[in-house]
Amino acid sequence: MIRSSSFAPRLAALALAAVCTLGQAQTAAAPAAPAASAPTLRAEVAKPLVAAQEAMKAGKPKDALARAAEAEAVASPTPYEAYMTQRIKGQAALAADDRAAALAALEKAAGNAAMPAGERQPVISLVAQLAYEAKDYARSVTWLRRYAEVGGSDEKLRLLLPQALYLAGDAKGAVDALQPVLQADEAARRTPPELTLRLLASAQTKAGDDAGYVRTIERLAQAYPKPELWNELA
């Protein structure tokens, strides 16, 4: 299974790739042409968020969190302002290595209907992985499924879903989630990874699928011949 510690570089890369550029949104202080349809930010929200991004670029995530808090304190935010504030707050918290705060903020951003369609996959991906890293597997399952619903196709995240289901105690769900993964391997004529087959075997055991377990052990023994597997079949 994937260890949570292995997410650190991946999460950092996703955070950098997902940084919002406030210049892409209009602000009340500097509106674009009337025909533009980009969402707007009031100056009192945009100013601290721009400062937060500048602080992150300067390697000062704690200062970025303080600036994001200023934006969060502005009264009566629009849905888009709330989205941008939580998005940047989450990224600053991640940069400050405060995973709990990052998860809380990014989850709010991911659940905001004002989230632009083009940003759904990276934000939801971050939430799913942070929840898995925090060992909140049921929460991770929710967002991994949401990731698939919005068209996410990252293979590592597809493999993370059955693991999260298994660790959340849903062995049958893990078995079901592994089927399309194995079918994709078959279609590509590639041997499934040993760990994937071992996860399937373990999930089948917990789900009470004895026949399925034997088939998986046979498959493991053929693909990765080891004495203990042949002994299991003896």
Protein backbone atom coordinates (compact mmCIF):
# COMPACT_ATOMS: atom_id res chain seq x y z
CA MET A 1 0.00 0.00 0.00
CA ILE A 2 1.00 3.63 -0.45
CA ARG A 3 2.51 5.11 2.69
CA SER A 4 1.31 8.55 3.69
CA SER A 5 4.89 9.84 3.93
CA SER A 6 5.30 9.24 0.19
CA PHE A 7 2.75 11.99 -0.50
CA ALA A 8 4.90 14.88 0.72
CA PRO A 9 6.73 15.62 -2.56
CA ARG A 10 3.60 14.91 -4.60
CA LEU A 11 1.43 17.22 -2.50
CA ALA A 12 4.03 19.96 -2.68
CA ALA A 13 4.15 19.67 -6.47
CA LEU A 14 0.36 19.73 -6.71
CA ALA A 15 0.21 22.78 -4.48
CA LEU A 16 2.64 24.65 -6.72
CA ALA A 17 0.81 23.56 -9.86
CA ALA A 18 -2.53 24.58 -8.40
CA VAL A 19 -1.61 28.08 -7.17
CA CYS A 20 -4.31 30.53 -8.22
CA THR A 21 -3.24 33.61 -10.11
CA LEU A 22 -5.41 36.46 -8.92
CA GLY A 23 -4.53 38.37 -12.05
CA GLN A 24 -6.81 35.99 -13.94
CA ALA A 25 -9.80 37.27 -11.97
CA GLN A 26 -11.12 40.79 -12.10
CA THR A 27 -11.08 42.94 -8.99
CA ALA A 28 -13.37 45.81 -8.15
CA ALA A 29 -10.36 48.12 -8.16
CA ALA A 30 -9.23 47.15 -11.67
CA PRO A 31 -12.16 45.89 -13.76
CA ALA A 32 -11.64 44.46 -17.21
CA ALA A 33 -13.70 45.32 -20.25
CA PRO A 34 -17.48 45.18 -19.68
CA ALA A 35 -17.80 42.09 -21.87
CA ALA A 36 -15.50 40.05 -19.66
CA SER A 37 -17.24 37.34 -17.64
CA ALA A 38 -14.46 36.37 -15.23
CA PRO A 39 -15.50 36.30 -11.55
CA THR A 40 -14.64 39.36 -9.51
CA LEU A 41 -13.00 40.04 -6.15
CA ARG A 42 -13.57 43.18 -4.15
CA ALA A 43 -10.42 45.15 -3.48
CA GLU A 44 -10.61 44.47 0.27
CA VAL A 45 -10.45 40.74 -0.47
CA ALA A 46 -8.06 40.83 -3.41
CA LYS A 47 -5.43 42.96 -1.66
CA PRO A 48 -4.66 40.55 1.22
CA LEU A 49 -4.90 37.54 -1.10
CA VAL A 50 -2.36 39.06 -3.49
CA ALA A 51 -0.15 39.76 -0.47
CA ALA A 52 -0.59 36.13 0.62
CA GLN A 53 0.58 34.88 -2.75
CA GLU A 54 3.55 37.22 -2.70
CA ALA A 55 4.45 35.92 0.76
CA MET A 56 4.30 32.34 -0.49
CA LYS A 57 6.55 33.21 -3.42
CA ALA A 58 8.98 34.73 -0.93
CA GLY A 59 8.99 31.54 1.12
CA LYS A 60 7.03 33.03 4.03
CA PRO A 61 4.01 30.73 4.45
CA LYS A 62 3.16 32.00 7.95
CA ASP A 63 2.91 35.53 6.63
CA ALA A 64 0.76 34.17 3.81
CA LEU A 65 -1.57 32.58 6.37
CA ALA A 66 -1.87 35.89 8.20
CA ARG A 67 -2.79 37.70 4.98
CA ALA A 68 -5.32 34.98 4.10
CA ALA A 69 -6.85 35.45 7.55
CA GLU A 70 -7.34 39.13 6.72
CA ALA A 71 -9.26 38.19 3.58
CA GLU A 72 -11.27 35.64 5.56
CA ALA A 73 -12.31 38.36 8.03
CA VAL A 74 -13.97 40.48 5.33
CA ALA A 75 -17.72 40.51 5.94
CA SER A 76 -20.29 38.99 3.56
CA PRO A 77 -17.95 37.33 1.07
CA THR A 78 -19.31 36.25 -2.27
CA PRO A 79 -19.07 32.51 -3.02
CA TYR A 80 -16.11 33.14 -5.32
CA GLU A 81 -14.35 35.28 -2.72
CA ALA A 82 -14.87 32.53 -0.15
CA TYR A 83 -13.51 29.96 -2.61
CA MET A 84 -10.37 31.98 -3.41
CA THR A 85 -9.73 32.74 0.25
CA GLN A 86 -9.95 29.09 1.32
CA ARG A 87 -7.96 27.95 -1.71
CA ILE A 88 -5.05 30.27 -0.93
CA LYS A 89 -5.32 29.68 2.82
CA GLY A 90 -5.08 25.94 2.18
CA GLN A 91 -2.05 26.35 -0.05
CA ALA A 92 -0.35 28.57 2.55
CA ALA A 93 -1.09 26.04 5.29
CA LEU A 94 0.35 23.27 3.14
CA ALA A 95 3.48 25.33 2.54
CA ALA A 96 3.70 25.85 6.32
CA ASP A 97 3.39 22.07 6.77
CA ASP A 98 0.12 22.44 8.69
CA ARG A 99 -1.67 19.52 7.05
CA ALA A 100 -4.78 19.70 9.23
CA ALA A 101 -5.37 23.37 8.43
CA ALA A 102 -4.64 22.73 4.75
CA LEU A 103 -7.17 19.91 4.61
CA ALA A 104 -9.87 21.97 6.36
CA ALA A 105 -9.41 24.97 4.07
CA LEU A 106 -9.06 23.06 0.81
CA GLU A 107 -12.08 20.93 1.63
CA LYS A 108 -14.13 24.11 1.98
CA ALA A 109 -12.77 25.28 -1.36
CA ALA A 110 -13.53 21.95 -3.01
CA GLY A 111 -17.11 22.03 -1.73
CA ASN A 112 -17.74 25.56 -2.97
CA ALA A 113 -20.00 25.74 -6.01
CA ALA A 114 -18.08 28.79 -7.22
CA MET A 115 -14.96 26.71 -7.84
CA PRO A 116 -14.04 27.13 -11.54
CA ALA A 117 -14.41 23.94 -13.56
CA GLY A 118 -10.77 24.02 -14.62
CA GLU A 119 -9.61 23.97 -11.01
CA ARG A 120 -11.77 21.10 -9.75
CA GLN A 121 -9.39 18.22 -10.38
CA PRO A 122 -6.26 19.66 -8.72
CA VAL A 123 -8.15 20.95 -5.67
CA ILE A 124 -10.14 17.75 -5.14
CA SER A 125 -7.00 15.69 -5.70
CA LEU A 126 -5.23 17.62 -2.92
CA VAL A 127 -8.15 17.12 -0.53
CA ALA A 128 -8.33 13.37 -1.21
CA GLN A 129 -4.62 12.87 -0.67
CA LEU A 130 -4.46 15.03 2.45
CA ALA A 131 -7.34 13.08 3.97
CA TYR A 132 -5.58 9.79 3.17
CA GLU A 133 -2.35 11.10 4.65
CA ALA A 134 -4.28 12.03 7.82
CA LYS A 135 -5.61 8.44 7.95
CA ASP A 136 -9.15 9.76 7.58
CA TYR A 137 -9.87 7.06 5.05
CA ALA A 138 -13.64 7.45 4.83
CA ARG A 139 -13.16 11.15 4.09
CA SER A 140 -10.54 10.27 1.50
CA VAL A 141 -12.94 7.83 -0.19
CA THR A 142 -15.54 10.61 -0.52
CA TRP A 143 -13.12 12.90 -2.31
CA LEU A 144 -11.47 10.19 -4.40
CA ARG A 145 -14.91 9.34 -5.76
CA ARG A 146 -15.58 13.00 -6.36
CA TYR A 147 -12.28 13.20 -8.22
CA ALA A 148 -13.44 10.44 -10.57
CA GLU A 149 -16.80 12.16 -11.02
CA VAL A 150 -15.12 15.33 -12.29
CA GLY A 151 -13.10 13.34 -14.82
CA GLY A 152 -9.89 12.77 -12.88
CA SER A 153 -7.81 9.99 -14.41
CA ASP A 154 -4.54 9.95 -12.44
CA GLU A 155 -3.60 6.28 -12.12
CA LYS A 156 -2.09 6.73 -8.66
CA LEU A 157 -5.35 8.18 -7.38
CA ARG A 158 -7.35 5.39 -9.02
CA LEU A 159 -5.23 2.90 -7.10
CA LEU A 160 -5.62 4.92 -3.92
CA LEU A 161 -9.41 4.45 -3.85
CA PRO A 162 -9.42 0.68 -3.17
CA GLN A 163 -6.71 1.17 -0.56
CA ALA A 164 -8.74 3.86 1.20
CA LEU A 165 -11.85 1.67 1.07
CA TYR A 166 -9.95 -1.27 2.52
CA LEU A 167 -8.46 0.82 5.31
CA ALA A 168 -11.87 2.35 6.02
CA GLY A 169 -13.19 -1.15 6.66
CA ASP A 170 -15.12 -1.59 3.40
CA ALA A 171 -13.53 -4.77 2.05
CA LYS A 172 -16.33 -5.44 -0.46
CA GLY A 173 -16.01 -1.88 -1.75
CA ALA A 174 -12.26 -2.36 -2.13
CA VAL A 175 -12.82 -5.55 -4.17
CA ASP A 176 -15.31 -3.74 -6.41
CA ALA A 177 -13.00 -0.74 -6.86
CA LEU A 178 -10.12 -3.00 -7.89
CA GLN A 179 -12.06 -4.63 -10.73
CA PRO A 180 -11.74 -1.75 -13.25
CA VAL A 181 -8.07 -1.40 -12.30
CA LEU A 182 -7.42 -5.05 -13.10
CA GLN A 183 -9.53 -4.89 -16.24
CA ALA A 184 -7.39 -1.98 -17.45
CA ASP A 185 -4.28 -4.09 -16.86
CA GLU A 186 -5.79 -6.96 -18.80
CA ALA A 187 -6.80 -4.69 -21.68
CA ALA A 188 -3.25 -3.33 -21.82
CA ARG A 189 -1.82 -6.87 -21.56
CA ARG A 190 0.26 -6.00 -18.54
CA THR A 191 0.73 -7.94 -15.34
CA PRO A 192 -0.93 -6.26 -12.35
CA PRO A 193 1.49 -5.11 -9.65
CA GLU A 194 2.05 -7.64 -6.88
CA LEU A 195 0.81 -5.22 -4.23
CA THR A 196 -2.44 -4.72 -6.14
CA LEU A 197 -3.09 -8.44 -6.24
CA ARG A 198 -2.17 -8.84 -2.58
CA LEU A 199 -4.58 -6.06 -1.67
CA LEU A 200 -7.29 -7.82 -3.67
CA ALA A 201 -6.60 -11.14 -1.95
CA SER A 202 -6.71 -9.54 1.49
CA ALA A 203 -9.93 -7.68 0.69
CA GLN A 204 -11.53 -10.85 -0.64
CA THR A 205 -10.63 -12.65 2.58
CA LYS A 206 -12.19 -9.93 4.71
CA ALA A 207 -15.25 -9.87 2.45
CA GLY A 208 -15.68 -13.64 2.80
CA ASP A 209 -15.07 -14.31 -0.90
CA ASP A 210 -13.13 -17.56 -0.54
CA ALA A 211 -13.42 -18.54 -4.21
CA GLY A 212 -12.22 -15.14 -5.33
CA TYR A 213 -9.34 -15.32 -2.87
CA VAL A 214 -8.15 -18.65 -4.30
CA ARG A 215 -8.31 -17.28 -7.87
CA THR A 216 -6.26 -14.25 -6.85
CA ILE A 217 -3.65 -16.39 -5.05
CA GLU A 218 -3.38 -18.55 -8.17
CA ARG A 219 -2.87 -15.42 -10.23
CA LEU A 220 -0.24 -14.18 -7.80
CA ALA A 221 1.58 -17.51 -7.83
CA GLN A 222 1.74 -17.48 -11.62
CA ALA A 223 2.87 -13.87 -11.91
CA TYR A 224 5.11 -13.73 -8.84
CA PRO A 225 6.09 -17.31 -7.96
CA LYS A 226 7.08 -17.57 -4.32
CA PRO A 227 7.14 -20.61 -2.04
CA GLU A 228 4.60 -19.19 0.40
CA LEU A 229 2.05 -18.71 -2.37
CA TRP A 230 2.42 -22.28 -3.63
CA ASN A 231 2.12 -23.49 -0.04
CA GLU A 232 -1.10 -21.52 0.27
CA LEU A 233 -2.50 -23.39 -2.73
CA ALA A 234 -1.27 -26.82 -1.63
